[in-house]
Amino acid sequence: MRFAPAAAIALTLLLGAPAFAQDDRRGGDSFAALEPQMWLQGAIREGDVTLLLDYLRAAVLAAAEGREPPPPPEKLERRAEELGAELRARGTLAALLLLSALEGKAKALLRDRAPPPRRALPPSVPYTPVSAD
C-alpha cells in the first residue's frame, strides 16, 4: 500500500490541527504569524476522507470474513499521491518560513543584547586548611 504513509500524514495533520489552534500570541513575536491551519486549508477535502473511509470499511469487512483486503482503488491512490506532493511542498514552505523566523529572532537577540558581565571569581587557595585537633 503506497498511499498509507501519505494518508497517515494527512490525517495526522488534519486531526492534529486543533491542537495548534490556541491563540497565545505575543506582540512582535515572529512565530505568531505561522498558522498550521492555513497550510492545510484546501489540501484535504471531504471527498478525500470519504474515499479513505470507504476503502477502510471494505478492508475491515474483508478481514472480518477472513479474506485479503481489496487493493486500494486507483482514485484513492492517485489522490494520495497528489496530496502527498501537495503536503510535501507545503511542509517545505513551512520549514523555510520557520527557519527564516528563527534566523531573524536569533540575529535580533544577538544584536540587541550584549552578554551580561561575568561575576568575579572568589579568590582561590592552593590548599584546603585542615584543623589540627
Protein backbone atom coordinates (compact mmCIF):
# COMPACT_ATOMS: atom_id res chain seq x y z
CA MET A 1 0.00 0.00 0.00
CA ARG A 2 1.84 3.01 -1.31
CA PHE A 3 -0.78 5.52 -0.20
CA ALA A 4 -0.69 4.60 3.50
CA PRO A 5 2.15 6.94 4.60
CA ALA A 6 0.69 9.93 2.77
CA ALA A 7 -2.79 9.21 4.09
CA ALA A 8 -1.48 8.75 7.64
CA ILE A 9 0.45 12.02 7.48
CA ALA A 10 -2.52 13.85 6.02
CA LEU A 11 -4.94 12.53 8.63
CA THR A 12 -2.46 13.26 11.44
CA LEU A 13 -2.06 16.82 10.30
CA LEU A 14 -5.77 17.25 9.73
CA LEU A 15 -6.78 15.83 13.10
CA GLY A 16 -3.87 17.44 14.97
CA ALA A 17 -4.53 20.96 13.67
CA PRO A 18 -6.93 21.88 16.50
CA ALA A 19 -4.11 21.32 18.98
CA PHE A 20 -2.33 24.28 17.45
CA ALA A 21 -5.43 26.45 17.50
CA GLN A 22 -4.83 28.19 20.81
CA ASP A 23 -4.15 31.87 20.35
CA ASP A 24 -1.44 32.91 22.79
CA ARG A 25 0.28 35.41 20.53
CA ARG A 26 2.56 37.98 21.99
CA GLY A 27 3.17 41.35 20.35
CA GLY A 28 6.11 41.29 17.96
CA ASP A 29 6.50 37.51 18.04
CA SER A 30 7.60 36.47 14.55
CA PHE A 31 6.38 32.89 15.12
CA ALA A 32 2.82 34.08 15.81
CA ALA A 33 2.14 34.66 12.11
CA LEU A 34 2.74 30.99 11.28
CA GLU A 35 -0.62 29.26 11.42
CA PRO A 36 -0.69 25.50 10.77
CA GLN A 37 -4.36 25.64 9.74
CA MET A 38 -3.51 27.90 6.81
CA TRP A 39 -1.07 25.31 5.41
CA LEU A 40 -3.73 22.59 5.39
CA GLN A 41 -6.61 24.71 4.17
CA GLY A 42 -7.84 23.38 0.85
CA ALA A 43 -5.45 20.41 0.71
CA ILE A 44 -7.67 17.77 2.29
CA ARG A 45 -11.23 17.70 1.02
CA GLU A 46 -14.33 15.97 2.28
CA GLY A 47 -14.17 13.64 -0.71
CA ASP A 48 -10.68 12.51 0.34
CA VAL A 49 -11.95 11.47 3.74
CA THR A 50 -14.88 9.65 2.13
CA LEU A 51 -12.57 7.78 -0.26
CA LEU A 52 -10.26 6.69 2.55
CA LEU A 53 -13.02 5.63 4.92
CA ASP A 54 -14.87 3.71 2.19
CA TYR A 55 -11.71 1.77 1.48
CA LEU A 56 -11.10 1.14 5.20
CA ARG A 57 -14.68 -0.14 5.56
CA ALA A 58 -14.14 -2.57 2.70
CA ALA A 59 -10.84 -3.71 4.22
CA VAL A 60 -12.40 -4.25 7.66
CA LEU A 61 -15.29 -6.23 6.18
CA ALA A 62 -12.85 -8.38 4.17
CA ALA A 63 -10.76 -9.00 7.28
CA ALA A 64 -13.88 -9.95 9.25
CA GLU A 65 -14.72 -12.51 6.59
CA GLY A 66 -11.15 -13.83 6.55
CA ARG A 67 -10.33 -12.51 3.09
CA GLU A 68 -7.43 -10.41 1.91
CA PRO A 69 -8.25 -6.70 1.86
CA PRO A 70 -9.12 -5.39 -1.59
CA PRO A 71 -6.48 -3.34 -3.40
CA PRO A 72 -6.99 0.38 -2.93
CA PRO A 73 -8.98 2.00 -5.72
CA GLU A 74 -6.97 3.81 -8.38
CA LYS A 75 -8.74 7.07 -7.49
CA LEU A 76 -7.62 6.77 -3.85
CA GLU A 77 -4.01 6.03 -4.81
CA ARG A 78 -3.93 8.92 -7.27
CA ARG A 79 -5.41 11.33 -4.70
CA ALA A 80 -2.97 10.13 -2.03
CA GLU A 81 -0.05 10.84 -4.37
CA GLU A 82 -1.43 14.28 -5.19
CA LEU A 83 -1.99 15.01 -1.53
CA GLY A 84 1.48 13.76 -0.63
CA ALA A 85 3.07 16.06 -3.21
CA GLU A 86 0.98 19.00 -2.00
CA LEU A 87 1.80 18.39 1.67
CA ARG A 88 5.50 17.95 0.84
CA ALA A 89 5.50 21.32 -0.90
CA ARG A 90 3.64 22.96 1.96
CA GLY A 91 5.92 21.29 4.51
CA THR A 92 8.98 22.60 2.70
CA LEU A 93 7.50 26.08 2.69
CA ALA A 94 6.64 25.79 6.39
CA ALA A 95 10.17 24.65 7.25
CA LEU A 96 11.68 27.53 5.27
CA LEU A 97 9.36 30.03 6.97
CA LEU A 98 10.22 28.63 10.40
CA LEU A 99 13.95 28.78 9.66
CA SER A 100 13.61 32.34 8.42
CA ALA A 101 11.72 33.38 11.56
CA LEU A 102 14.23 31.57 13.76
CA GLU A 103 17.13 33.24 11.99
CA GLY A 104 15.56 36.67 12.42
CA LYS A 105 14.88 36.02 16.10
CA ALA A 106 18.43 34.76 16.75
CA LYS A 107 20.02 37.72 14.94
CA ALA A 108 17.81 40.16 16.84
CA LEU A 109 18.82 38.58 20.15
CA LEU A 110 22.49 38.82 19.25
CA ARG A 111 22.18 42.42 18.07
CA ASP A 112 20.04 43.74 20.90
CA ARG A 113 21.57 42.10 23.91
CA ALA A 114 25.16 42.08 24.95
CA PRO A 115 26.11 39.19 27.19
CA PRO A 116 25.93 40.03 30.89
CA PRO A 117 29.27 40.76 32.56
CA ARG A 118 30.79 37.77 34.26
CA ARG A 119 31.00 37.78 38.02
CA ALA A 120 34.43 37.88 39.56
CA LEU A 121 35.56 34.51 40.86
CA PRO A 122 36.33 34.22 44.55
CA PRO A 123 40.00 34.12 45.44
CA SER A 124 41.39 30.62 45.37
CA VAL A 125 43.68 28.99 47.87
CA PRO A 126 46.05 26.31 46.63
CA TYR A 127 45.26 24.12 49.61
CA THR A 128 42.38 23.37 51.94
CA PRO A 129 43.19 24.14 55.56
CA VAL A 130 42.80 21.20 57.94
CA SER A 131 42.13 21.79 61.61
CA ALA A 132 44.67 20.31 63.98
CA ASP A 133 42.83 18.54 66.80
